[in-house]
């Protein structure tokens, strides 16, 4: 992925005639594969990571994988919190639900 984004930027620079031009979208949608996130970070920097969201399908897939590693006592609560995060429509609701994860692991 690093090579792809590096070559993509090179093409954009050649086409635009601006050797400093770098692809800079308003946001990114990446799956949960670590390689994409790492490549994005390497090529575009930490600021780009702040603009990344996961797609719903891969988020749900990741929740299923992670919850499968928990005991039955914590699995249902973890899934409920994870779904609530996905549905959070404000920052305050998101922060409230993330605090639920902290209490989940304190138990």
PDB file of N, CA and C in Angstrom:
ATOM      1  N   UNK A   1       0.817  -1.196   0.000  1.00  0.00           N
ATOM      2  CA  UNK A   1       0.000   0.000   0.000  1.00  0.00           C
ATOM      3  C   UNK A   1       0.865   1.266   0.000  1.00  0.00           C
ATOM      4  N   UNK A   2       2.001   1.220   0.671  1.00  0.00           N
ATOM      5  CA  UNK A   2       2.887   2.387   0.674  1.00  0.00           C
ATOM      6  C   UNK A   2       3.320   2.690  -0.755  1.00  0.00           C
ATOM      7  N   UNK A   3       3.693   1.639  -1.480  1.00  0.00           N
ATOM      8  CA  UNK A   3       4.138   1.851  -2.856  1.00  0.00           C
ATOM      9  C   UNK A   3       2.997   2.412  -3.712  1.00  0.00           C
ATOM     10  N   UNK A   4       1.790   1.895  -3.537  1.00  0.00           N
ATOM     11  CA  UNK A   4       0.648   2.394  -4.302  1.00  0.00           C
ATOM     12  C   UNK A   4       0.450   3.894  -4.091  1.00  0.00           C
ATOM     13  N   UNK A   5       0.359   4.317  -2.812  1.00  0.00           N
ATOM     14  CA  UNK A   5       0.104   5.725  -2.521  1.00  0.00           C
ATOM     15  C   UNK A   5       1.269   6.617  -2.939  1.00  0.00           C
ATOM     16  N   UNK A   6       2.477   6.115  -2.840  1.00  0.00           N
ATOM     17  CA  UNK A   6       3.635   6.895  -3.296  1.00  0.00           C
ATOM     18  C   UNK A   6       3.576   7.101  -4.801  1.00  0.00           C
ATOM     19  N   UNK A   7       3.265   6.031  -5.536  1.00  0.00           N
ATOM     20  CA  UNK A   7       3.145   6.147  -7.002  1.00  0.00           C
ATOM     21  C   UNK A   7       1.950   7.005  -7.399  1.00  0.00           C
ATOM     22  N   UNK A   8       0.858   6.884  -6.654  1.00  0.00           N
ATOM     23  CA  UNK A   8      -0.330   7.692  -6.927  1.00  0.00           C
ATOM     24  C   UNK A   8       0.005   9.176  -6.800  1.00  0.00           C
ATOM     25  N   UNK A   9       0.707   9.535  -5.732  1.00  0.00           N
ATOM     26  CA  UNK A   9       1.115  10.931  -5.550  1.00  0.00           C
ATOM     27  C   UNK A   9       2.058  11.383  -6.656  1.00  0.00           C
ATOM     28  N   UNK A  10       2.945  10.487  -7.083  1.00  0.00           N
ATOM     29  CA  UNK A  10       3.860  10.813  -8.181  1.00  0.00           C
ATOM     30  C   UNK A  10       3.101  11.140  -9.459  1.00  0.00           C
ATOM     31  N   UNK A  11       2.087  10.336  -9.767  1.00  0.00           N
ATOM     32  CA  UNK A  11       1.265  10.568 -10.957  1.00  0.00           C
ATOM     33  C   UNK A  11       0.543  11.906 -10.839  1.00  0.00           C
ATOM     34  N   UNK A  12      -0.033  12.179  -9.677  1.00  0.00           N
ATOM     35  CA  UNK A  12      -0.735  13.453  -9.469  1.00  0.00           C
ATOM     36  C   UNK A  12       0.221  14.631  -9.661  1.00  0.00           C
ATOM     37  N   UNK A  13       1.441  14.495  -9.199  1.00  0.00           N
ATOM     38  CA  UNK A  13       2.436  15.555  -9.351  1.00  0.00           C
ATOM     39  C   UNK A  13       2.810  15.744 -10.812  1.00  0.00           C
ATOM     40  N   UNK A  14       2.953  14.639 -11.546  1.00  0.00           N
ATOM     41  CA  UNK A  14       3.277  14.730 -12.980  1.00  0.00           C
ATOM     42  C   UNK A  14       2.139  15.382 -13.755  1.00  0.00           C
ATOM     43  N   UNK A  15       0.910  14.966 -13.482  1.00  0.00           N
ATOM     44  CA  UNK A  15      -0.255  15.490 -14.203  1.00  0.00           C
ATOM     45  C   UNK A  15      -0.502  16.959 -13.869  1.00  0.00           C
ATOM     46  N   UNK A  16      -0.350  17.313 -12.600  1.00  0.00           N
ATOM     47  CA  UNK A  16      -0.638  18.688 -12.187  1.00  0.00           C
ATOM     48  C   UNK A  16       0.517  19.638 -12.493  1.00  0.00           C
ATOM     49  N   UNK A  17       1.712  19.079 -12.662  1.00  0.00           N
ATOM     50  CA  UNK A  17       2.881  19.926 -12.864  1.00  0.00           C
ATOM     51  C   UNK A  17       3.404  20.529 -11.569  1.00  0.00           C
ATOM     52  N   UNK A  18       2.796  20.171 -10.458  1.00  0.00           N
ATOM     53  CA  UNK A  18       3.191  20.679  -9.143  1.00  0.00           C
ATOM     54  C   UNK A  18       3.888  19.556  -8.387  1.00  0.00           C
ATOM     55  N   UNK A  19       5.196  19.657  -8.238  1.00  0.00           N
ATOM     56  CA  UNK A  19       5.990  18.591  -7.622  1.00  0.00           C
ATOM     57  C   UNK A  19       5.758  18.464  -6.112  1.00  0.00           C
ATOM     58  N   UNK A  20       5.001  19.382  -5.522  1.00  0.00           N
ATOM     59  CA  UNK A  20       4.694  19.290  -4.098  1.00  0.00           C
ATOM     60  C   UNK A  20       3.279  18.764  -3.851  1.00  0.00           C
ATOM     61  N   UNK A  21       2.514  18.550  -4.917  1.00  0.00           N
ATOM     62  CA  UNK A  21       1.123  18.121  -4.784  1.00  0.00           C
ATOM     63  C   UNK A  21       1.044  16.725  -4.162  1.00  0.00           C
ATOM     64  N   UNK A  22       0.195  16.589  -3.149  1.00  0.00           N
ATOM     65  CA  UNK A  22      -0.038  15.309  -2.481  1.00  0.00           C
ATOM     66  C   UNK A  22      -1.542  15.146  -2.313  1.00  0.00           C
ATOM     67  N   UNK A  23      -2.022  13.968  -2.612  1.00  0.00           N
ATOM     68  CA  UNK A  23      -3.435  13.642  -2.438  1.00  0.00           C
ATOM     69  C   UNK A  23      -3.835  13.960  -1.000  1.00  0.00           C
ATOM     70  N   UNK A  24      -4.912  14.734  -0.818  1.00  0.00           N
ATOM     71  CA  UNK A  24      -5.327  15.170   0.514  1.00  0.00           C
ATOM     72  C   UNK A  24      -6.856  15.208   0.592  1.00  0.00           C
ATOM     73  N   UNK A  25      -7.476  14.039   0.722  1.00  0.00           N
ATOM     74  CA  UNK A  25      -8.942  14.014   0.765  1.00  0.00           C
ATOM     75  C   UNK A  25      -9.481  14.539   2.100  1.00  0.00           C
ATOM     76  N   UNK A  26     -10.762  14.839   2.118  1.00  0.00           N
ATOM     77  CA  UNK A  26     -11.407  15.304   3.346  1.00  0.00           C
ATOM     78  C   UNK A  26     -11.451  14.194   4.395  1.00  0.00           C
ATOM     79  N   UNK A  27     -11.431  12.960   3.951  1.00  0.00           N
ATOM     80  CA  UNK A  27     -11.458  11.831   4.870  1.00  0.00           C
ATOM     81  C   UNK A  27     -11.129  10.542   4.149  1.00  0.00           C
ATOM     82  N   UNK A  28     -10.967   9.500   4.922  1.00  0.00           N
ATOM     83  CA  UNK A  28     -10.612   8.182   4.400  1.00  0.00           C
ATOM     84  C   UNK A  28     -11.574   7.148   4.961  1.00  0.00           C
ATOM     85  N   UNK A  29     -11.899   6.159   4.170  1.00  0.00           N
ATOM     86  CA  UNK A  29     -12.623   4.987   4.644  1.00  0.00           C
ATOM     87  C   UNK A  29     -11.701   3.802   4.383  1.00  0.00           C
ATOM     88  N   UNK A  30     -11.256   3.169   5.463  1.00  0.00           N
ATOM     89  CA  UNK A  30     -10.358   2.025   5.352  1.00  0.00           C
ATOM     90  C   UNK A  30     -10.969   0.827   6.045  1.00  0.00           C
ATOM     91  N   UNK A  31     -10.601  -0.354   5.566  1.00  0.00           N
ATOM     92  CA  UNK A  31     -11.051  -1.533   6.299  1.00  0.00           C
ATOM     93  C   UNK A  31     -10.169  -1.710   7.530  1.00  0.00           C
ATOM     94  N   UNK A  32     -10.366  -2.752   8.250  1.00  0.00           N
ATOM     95  CA  UNK A  32      -9.648  -2.921   9.515  1.00  0.00           C
ATOM     96  C   UNK A  32      -8.278  -3.577   9.352  1.00  0.00           C
ATOM     97  N   UNK A  33      -7.829  -3.717   8.119  1.00  0.00           N
ATOM     98  CA  UNK A  33      -6.501  -4.305   7.892  1.00  0.00           C
ATOM     99  C   UNK A  33      -5.423  -3.319   8.334  1.00  0.00           C
ATOM    100  N   UNK A  34      -4.529  -3.775   9.135  1.00  0.00           N
ATOM    101  CA  UNK A  34      -3.472  -2.914   9.659  1.00  0.00           C
ATOM    102  C   UNK A  34      -2.580  -2.350   8.571  1.00  0.00           C
ATOM    103  N   UNK A  35      -2.396  -3.079   7.474  1.00  0.00           N
ATOM    104  CA  UNK A  35      -1.503  -2.619   6.404  1.00  0.00           C
ATOM    105  C   UNK A  35      -1.985  -1.304   5.802  1.00  0.00           C
ATOM    106  N   UNK A  36      -3.284  -1.167   5.592  1.00  0.00           N
ATOM    107  CA  UNK A  36      -3.805   0.076   5.017  1.00  0.00           C
ATOM    108  C   UNK A  36      -3.598   1.252   5.963  1.00  0.00           C
ATOM    109  N   UNK A  37      -3.873   1.029   7.239  1.00  0.00           N
ATOM    110  CA  UNK A  37      -3.699   2.096   8.225  1.00  0.00           C
ATOM    111  C   UNK A  37      -2.235   2.506   8.312  1.00  0.00           C
ATOM    112  N   UNK A  38      -1.332   1.520   8.334  1.00  0.00           N
ATOM    113  CA  UNK A  38       0.098   1.820   8.417  1.00  0.00           C
ATOM    114  C   UNK A  38       0.586   2.556   7.179  1.00  0.00           C
ATOM    115  N   UNK A  39       0.151   2.114   6.003  1.00  0.00           N
ATOM    116  CA  UNK A  39       0.555   2.785   4.765  1.00  0.00           C
ATOM    117  C   UNK A  39       0.051   4.220   4.744  1.00  0.00           C
ATOM    118  N   UNK A  40      -1.180   4.411   5.171  1.00  0.00           N
ATOM    119  CA  UNK A  40      -1.754   5.758   5.223  1.00  0.00           C
ATOM    120  C   UNK A  40      -0.925   6.651   6.141  1.00  0.00           C
ATOM    121  N   UNK A  41      -0.551   6.116   7.290  1.00  0.00           N
ATOM    122  CA  UNK A  41       0.260   6.867   8.263  1.00  0.00           C
ATOM    123  C   UNK A  41       1.642   7.195   7.685  1.00  0.00           C
ATOM    124  N   UNK A  42       2.287   6.228   7.049  1.00  0.00           N
ATOM    125  CA  UNK A  42       3.633   6.419   6.503  1.00  0.00           C
ATOM    126  C   UNK A  42       3.636   7.456   5.382  1.00  0.00           C
ATOM    127  N   UNK A  43       2.695   7.354   4.463  1.00  0.00           N
ATOM    128  CA  UNK A  43       2.692   8.232   3.289  1.00  0.00           C
ATOM    129  C   UNK A  43       2.096   9.597   3.593  1.00  0.00           C
ATOM    130  N   UNK A  44       1.016   9.645   4.384  1.00  0.00           N
ATOM    131  CA  UNK A  44       0.285  10.895   4.571  1.00  0.00           C
ATOM    132  C   UNK A  44       0.428  11.505   5.965  1.00  0.00           C
ATOM    133  N   UNK A  45       1.006  10.764   6.909  1.00  0.00           N
ATOM    134  CA  UNK A  45       1.257  11.313   8.236  1.00  0.00           C
ATOM    135  C   UNK A  45       0.127  11.088   9.221  1.00  0.00           C
ATOM    136  N   UNK A  46       0.396  11.461  10.459  1.00  0.00           N
ATOM    137  CA  UNK A  46      -0.564  11.275  11.553  1.00  0.00           C
ATOM    138  C   UNK A  46      -1.856  12.062  11.343  1.00  0.00           C
ATOM    139  N   UNK A  47      -1.770  13.217  10.699  1.00  0.00           N
ATOM    140  CA  UNK A  47      -2.979  14.021  10.467  1.00  0.00           C
ATOM    141  C   UNK A  47      -4.000  13.251   9.637  1.00  0.00           C
ATOM    142  N   UNK A  48      -3.517  12.439   8.695  1.00  0.00           N
ATOM    143  CA  UNK A  48      -4.424  11.652   7.863  1.00  0.00           C
ATOM    144  C   UNK A  48      -5.163  10.614   8.698  1.00  0.00           C
ATOM    145  N   UNK A  49      -4.498  10.042   9.679  1.00  0.00           N
ATOM    146  CA  UNK A  49      -5.126   9.017  10.527  1.00  0.00           C
ATOM    147  C   UNK A  49      -6.314   9.596  11.290  1.00  0.00           C
ATOM    148  N   UNK A  50      -6.228  10.853  11.650  1.00  0.00           N
ATOM    149  CA  UNK A  50      -7.334  11.508  12.358  1.00  0.00           C
ATOM    150  C   UNK A  50      -8.573  11.638  11.469  1.00  0.00           C
ATOM    151  N   UNK A  51      -8.402  11.484  10.145  1.00  0.00           N
ATOM    152  CA  UNK A  51      -9.523  11.609   9.212  1.00  0.00           C
ATOM    153  C   UNK A  51     -10.018  10.254   8.712  1.00  0.00           C
ATOM    154  N   UNK A  52      -9.591   9.166   9.351  1.00  0.00           N
ATOM    155  CA  UNK A  52      -9.953   7.827   8.906  1.00  0.00           C
ATOM    156  C   UNK A  52     -11.182   7.316   9.649  1.00  0.00           C
ATOM    157  N   UNK A  53     -12.070   6.696   8.914  1.00  0.00           N
ATOM    158  CA  UNK A  53     -13.180   5.953   9.499  1.00  0.00           C
ATOM    159  C   UNK A  53     -13.158   4.550   8.895  1.00  0.00           C
ATOM    160  N   UNK A  54     -13.746   3.627   9.601  1.00  0.00           N
ATOM    161  CA  UNK A  54     -13.833   2.260   9.122  1.00  0.00           C
ATOM    162  C   UNK A  54     -15.182   2.069   8.455  1.00  0.00           C
ATOM    163  N   UNK A  55     -15.245   1.179   7.505  1.00  0.00           N
ATOM    164  CA  UNK A  55     -16.548   0.891   6.912  1.00  0.00           C
ATOM    165  C   UNK A  55     -17.341  -0.001   7.875  1.00  0.00           C
ATOM    166  N   UNK A  56     -18.644   0.070   7.784  1.00  0.00           N
ATOM    167  CA  UNK A  56     -19.518  -0.639   8.720  1.00  0.00           C
ATOM    168  C   UNK A  56     -19.309  -2.147   8.655  1.00  0.00           C
ATOM    169  N   UNK A  57     -19.183  -2.694   7.456  1.00  0.00           N
ATOM    170  CA  UNK A  57     -19.008  -4.133   7.313  1.00  0.00           C
ATOM    171  C   UNK A  57     -17.776  -4.615   8.056  1.00  0.00           C
ATOM    172  N   UNK A  58     -16.641  -3.955   7.820  1.00  0.00           N
ATOM    173  CA  UNK A  58     -15.403  -4.395   8.450  1.00  0.00           C
ATOM    174  C   UNK A  58     -15.379  -4.085   9.954  1.00  0.00           C
ATOM    175  N   UNK A  59     -16.050  -3.030  10.354  1.00  0.00           N
ATOM    176  CA  UNK A  59     -16.159  -2.745  11.785  1.00  0.00           C
ATOM    177  C   UNK A  59     -16.897  -3.892  12.478  1.00  0.00           C
ATOM    178  N   UNK A  60     -18.033  -4.284  11.915  1.00  0.00           N
ATOM    179  CA  UNK A  60     -18.815  -5.377  12.495  1.00  0.00           C
ATOM    180  C   UNK A  60     -18.022  -6.678  12.496  1.00  0.00           C
ATOM    181  N   UNK A  61     -17.285  -6.914  11.428  1.00  0.00           N
ATOM    182  CA  UNK A  61     -16.452  -8.108  11.346  1.00  0.00           C
ATOM    183  C   UNK A  61     -15.390  -8.096  12.457  1.00  0.00           C
ATOM    184  N   UNK A  62     -14.799  -6.942  12.680  1.00  0.00           N
ATOM    185  CA  UNK A  62     -13.786  -6.808  13.722  1.00  0.00           C
ATOM    186  C   UNK A  62     -14.394  -7.013  15.112  1.00  0.00           C
ATOM    187  N   UNK A  63     -15.573  -6.457  15.333  1.00  0.00           N
ATOM    188  CA  UNK A  63     -16.258  -6.638  16.620  1.00  0.00           C
ATOM    189  C   UNK A  63     -16.528  -8.123  16.858  1.00  0.00           C
ATOM    190  N   UNK A  64     -16.961  -8.818  15.822  1.00  0.00           N
ATOM    191  CA  UNK A  64     -17.209 -10.254  15.956  1.00  0.00           C
ATOM    192  C   UNK A  64     -15.950 -11.023  16.327  1.00  0.00           C
ATOM    193  N   UNK A  65     -14.838 -10.668  15.684  1.00  0.00           N
ATOM    194  CA  UNK A  65     -13.561 -11.331  15.987  1.00  0.00           C
ATOM    195  C   UNK A  65     -13.112 -11.056  17.418  1.00  0.00           C
ATOM    196  N   UNK A  66     -13.176  -9.781  17.809  1.00  0.00           N
ATOM    197  CA  UNK A  66     -12.718  -9.405  19.151  1.00  0.00           C
ATOM    198  C   UNK A  66     -13.623 -10.001  20.237  1.00  0.00           C
ATOM    199  N   UNK A  67     -14.928  -9.977  20.015  1.00  0.00           N
ATOM    200  CA  UNK A  67     -15.841 -10.497  21.029  1.00  0.00           C
ATOM    201  C   UNK A  67     -15.705 -12.003  21.177  1.00  0.00           C
ATOM    202  N   UNK A  68     -15.296 -12.663  20.110  1.00  0.00           N
ATOM    203  CA  UNK A  68     -15.091 -14.113  20.166  1.00  0.00           C
ATOM    204  C   UNK A  68     -13.977 -14.517  21.109  1.00  0.00           C
ATOM    205  N   UNK A  69     -13.120 -13.585  21.460  1.00  0.00           N
ATOM    206  CA  UNK A  69     -12.006 -13.863  22.369  1.00  0.00           C
ATOM    207  C   UNK A  69     -12.377 -13.621  23.835  1.00  0.00           C
ATOM    208  N   UNK A  70     -13.596 -13.125  24.060  1.00  0.00           N
ATOM    209  CA  UNK A  70     -14.029 -12.810  25.428  1.00  0.00           C
ATOM    210  C   UNK A  70     -14.858 -13.952  26.010  1.00  0.00           C
ATOM    211  N   UNK A  71     -14.900 -14.007  27.328  1.00  0.00           N
ATOM    212  CA  UNK A  71     -15.770 -14.995  27.960  1.00  0.00           C
ATOM    213  C   UNK A  71     -17.220 -14.547  27.796  1.00  0.00           C
ATOM    214  N   UNK A  72     -18.135 -15.483  28.024  1.00  0.00           N
ATOM    215  CA  UNK A  72     -19.560 -15.197  27.819  1.00  0.00           C
ATOM    216  C   UNK A  72     -20.052 -14.026  28.652  1.00  0.00           C
ATOM    217  N   UNK A  73     -19.490 -13.857  29.830  1.00  0.00           N
ATOM    218  CA  UNK A  73     -19.901 -12.787  30.738  1.00  0.00           C
ATOM    219  C   UNK A  73     -19.681 -11.408  30.112  1.00  0.00           C
ATOM    220  N   UNK A  74     -18.583 -11.236  29.381  1.00  0.00           N
ATOM    221  CA  UNK A  74     -18.232  -9.930  28.827  1.00  0.00           C
ATOM    222  C   UNK A  74     -18.591  -9.765  27.348  1.00  0.00           C
ATOM    223  N   UNK A  75     -18.827 -10.879  26.651  1.00  0.00           N
ATOM    224  CA  UNK A  75     -19.077 -10.833  25.207  1.00  0.00           C
ATOM    225  C   UNK A  75     -20.279  -9.965  24.834  1.00  0.00           C
ATOM    226  N   UNK A  76     -21.407 -10.185  25.490  1.00  0.00           N
ATOM    227  CA  UNK A  76     -22.635  -9.452  25.157  1.00  0.00           C
ATOM    228  C   UNK A  76     -22.486  -7.963  25.446  1.00  0.00           C
ATOM    229  N   UNK A  77     -21.859  -7.634  26.570  1.00  0.00           N
ATOM    230  CA  UNK A  77     -21.676  -6.225  26.921  1.00  0.00           C
ATOM    231  C   UNK A  77     -20.732  -5.537  25.933  1.00  0.00           C
ATOM    232  N   UNK A  78     -19.671  -6.242  25.561  1.00  0.00           N
ATOM    233  CA  UNK A  78     -18.728  -5.698  24.581  1.00  0.00           C
ATOM    234  C   UNK A  78     -19.434  -5.394  23.261  1.00  0.00           C
ATOM    235  N   UNK A  79     -20.219  -6.357  22.782  1.00  0.00           N
ATOM    236  CA  UNK A  79     -20.934  -6.163  21.511  1.00  0.00           C
ATOM    237  C   UNK A  79     -21.916  -4.988  21.601  1.00  0.00           C
ATOM    238  N   UNK A  80     -22.638  -4.893  22.706  1.00  0.00           N
ATOM    239  CA  UNK A  80     -23.609  -3.803  22.876  1.00  0.00           C
ATOM    240  C   UNK A  80     -22.898  -2.448  22.849  1.00  0.00           C
ATOM    241  N   UNK A  81     -21.768  -2.361  23.526  1.00  0.00           N
ATOM    242  CA  UNK A  81     -21.009  -1.103  23.522  1.00  0.00           C
ATOM    243  C   UNK A  81     -20.460  -0.800  22.127  1.00  0.00           C
ATOM    244  N   UNK A  82     -19.979  -1.826  21.449  1.00  0.00           N
ATOM    245  CA  UNK A  82     -19.419  -1.629  20.109  1.00  0.00           C
ATOM    246  C   UNK A  82     -20.496  -1.148  19.133  1.00  0.00           C
ATOM    247  N   UNK A  83     -21.687  -1.741  19.197  1.00  0.00           N
ATOM    248  CA  UNK A  83     -22.779  -1.304  18.321  1.00  0.00           C
ATOM    249  C   UNK A  83     -23.192   0.131  18.661  1.00  0.00           C
ATOM    250  N   UNK A  84     -23.187   0.452  19.952  1.00  0.00           N
ATOM    251  CA  UNK A  84     -23.551   1.805  20.377  1.00  0.00           C
ATOM    252  C   UNK A  84     -22.551   2.825  19.833  1.00  0.00           C
ATOM    253  N   UNK A  85     -21.272   2.464  19.802  1.00  0.00           N
ATOM    254  CA  UNK A  85     -20.261   3.370  19.232  1.00  0.00           C
ATOM    255  C   UNK A  85     -20.545   3.618  17.763  1.00  0.00           C
ATOM    256  N   UNK A  86     -20.911   2.556  17.053  1.00  0.00           N
ATOM    257  CA  UNK A  86     -21.173   2.688  15.619  1.00  0.00           C
ATOM    258  C   UNK A  86     -22.373   3.609  15.368  1.00  0.00           C
ATOM    259  N   UNK A  87     -23.324   3.587  16.284  1.00  0.00           N
ATOM    260  CA  UNK A  87     -24.540   4.384  16.122  1.00  0.00           C
ATOM    261  C   UNK A  87     -24.430   5.783  16.730  1.00  0.00           C
ATOM    262  N   UNK A  88     -23.341   6.057  17.445  1.00  0.00           N
ATOM    263  CA  UNK A  88     -23.201   7.365  18.110  1.00  0.00           C
ATOM    264  C   UNK A  88     -23.263   8.488  17.080  1.00  0.00           C
ATOM    265  N   UNK A  89     -24.155   9.448  17.313  1.00  0.00           N
ATOM    266  CA  UNK A  89     -24.302  10.536  16.349  1.00  0.00           C
ATOM    267  C   UNK A  89     -23.766  11.868  16.866  1.00  0.00           C
ATOM    268  N   UNK A  90     -23.201  11.853  18.060  1.00  0.00           N
ATOM    269  CA  UNK A  90     -22.544  13.050  18.585  1.00  0.00           C
ATOM    270  C   UNK A  90     -21.259  12.630  19.295  1.00  0.00           C
ATOM    271  N   UNK A  91     -20.371  13.571  19.456  1.00  0.00           N
ATOM    272  CA  UNK A  91     -19.117  13.299  20.160  1.00  0.00           C
ATOM    273  C   UNK A  91     -19.395  12.911  21.609  1.00  0.00           C
ATOM    274  N   UNK A  92     -20.346  13.592  22.243  1.00  0.00           N
ATOM    275  CA  UNK A  92     -20.621  13.284  23.655  1.00  0.00           C
ATOM    276  C   UNK A  92     -21.157  11.864  23.827  1.00  0.00           C
ATOM    277  N   UNK A  93     -22.007  11.407  22.912  1.00  0.00           N
ATOM    278  CA  UNK A  93     -22.512  10.029  22.996  1.00  0.00           C
ATOM    279  C   UNK A  93     -21.357   9.052  22.770  1.00  0.00           C
ATOM    280  N   UNK A  94     -20.504   9.350  21.817  1.00  0.00           N
ATOM    281  CA  UNK A  94     -19.342   8.499  21.545  1.00  0.00           C
ATOM    282  C   UNK A  94     -18.461   8.383  22.791  1.00  0.00           C
ATOM    283  N   UNK A  95     -18.156   9.520  23.408  1.00  0.00           N
ATOM    284  CA  UNK A  95     -17.298   9.507  24.602  1.00  0.00           C
ATOM    285  C   UNK A  95     -17.956   8.758  25.753  1.00  0.00           C
ATOM    286  N   UNK A  96     -19.254   8.925  25.899  1.00  0.00           N
ATOM    287  CA  UNK A  96     -19.991   8.208  26.946  1.00  0.00           C
ATOM    288  C   UNK A  96     -19.870   6.702  26.742  1.00  0.00           C
ATOM    289  N   UNK A  97     -20.015   6.249  25.501  1.00  0.00           N
ATOM    290  CA  UNK A  97     -19.953   4.814  25.215  1.00  0.00           C
ATOM    291  C   UNK A  97     -18.532   4.279  25.341  1.00  0.00           C
ATOM    292  N   UNK A  98     -17.531   5.074  24.997  1.00  0.00           N
ATOM    293  CA  UNK A  98     -16.158   4.595  25.153  1.00  0.00           C
ATOM    294  C   UNK A  98     -15.816   4.408  26.622  1.00  0.00           C
ATOM    295  N   UNK A  99     -16.395   5.225  27.485  1.00  0.00           N
ATOM    296  CA  UNK A  99     -16.140   5.038  28.919  1.00  0.00           C
ATOM    297  C   UNK A  99     -16.716   3.707  29.388  1.00  0.00           C
ATOM    298  N   UNK A 100     -17.733   3.216  28.697  1.00  0.00           N
ATOM    299  CA  UNK A 100     -18.290   1.907  29.020  1.00  0.00           C
ATOM    300  C   UNK A 100     -17.283   0.793  28.818  1.00  0.00           C
ATOM    301  N   UNK A 101     -16.404   0.941  27.837  1.00  0.00           N
ATOM    302  CA  UNK A 101     -15.362  -0.056  27.614  1.00  0.00           C
ATOM    303  C   UNK A 101     -14.389  -0.088  28.791  1.00  0.00           C
ATOM    304  N   UNK A 102     -14.064   1.091  29.307  1.00  0.00           N
ATOM    305  CA  UNK A 102     -13.163   1.150  30.454  1.00  0.00           C
ATOM    306  C   UNK A 102     -13.757   0.401  31.642  1.00  0.00           C
ATOM    307  N   UNK A 103     -15.033   0.625  31.901  1.00  0.00           N
ATOM    308  CA  UNK A 103     -15.659  -0.071  33.038  1.00  0.00           C
ATOM    309  C   UNK A 103     -15.793  -1.561  32.760  1.00  0.00           C
ATOM    310  N   UNK A 104     -15.938  -1.944  31.512  1.00  0.00           N
ATOM    311  CA  UNK A 104     -16.015  -3.359  31.144  1.00  0.00           C
ATOM    312  C   UNK A 104     -14.735  -4.080  31.541  1.00  0.00           C
ATOM    313  N   UNK A 105     -13.602  -3.443  31.330  1.00  0.00           N
ATOM    314  CA  UNK A 105     -12.323  -4.082  31.623  1.00  0.00           C
ATOM    315  C   UNK A 105     -11.901  -3.939  33.079  1.00  0.00           C
ATOM    316  N   UNK A 106     -12.619  -3.125  33.828  1.00  0.00           N
ATOM    317  CA  UNK A 106     -12.343  -3.005  35.265  1.00  0.00           C
ATOM    318  C   UNK A 106     -13.021  -4.118  36.045  1.00  0.00           C
ATOM    319  N   UNK A 107     -13.962  -4.792  35.408  1.00  0.00           N
ATOM    320  CA  UNK A 107     -14.750  -5.828  36.102  1.00  0.00           C
ATOM    321  C   UNK A 107     -13.949  -7.090  36.302  1.00  0.00           C
TER     322      UNK A 107
END
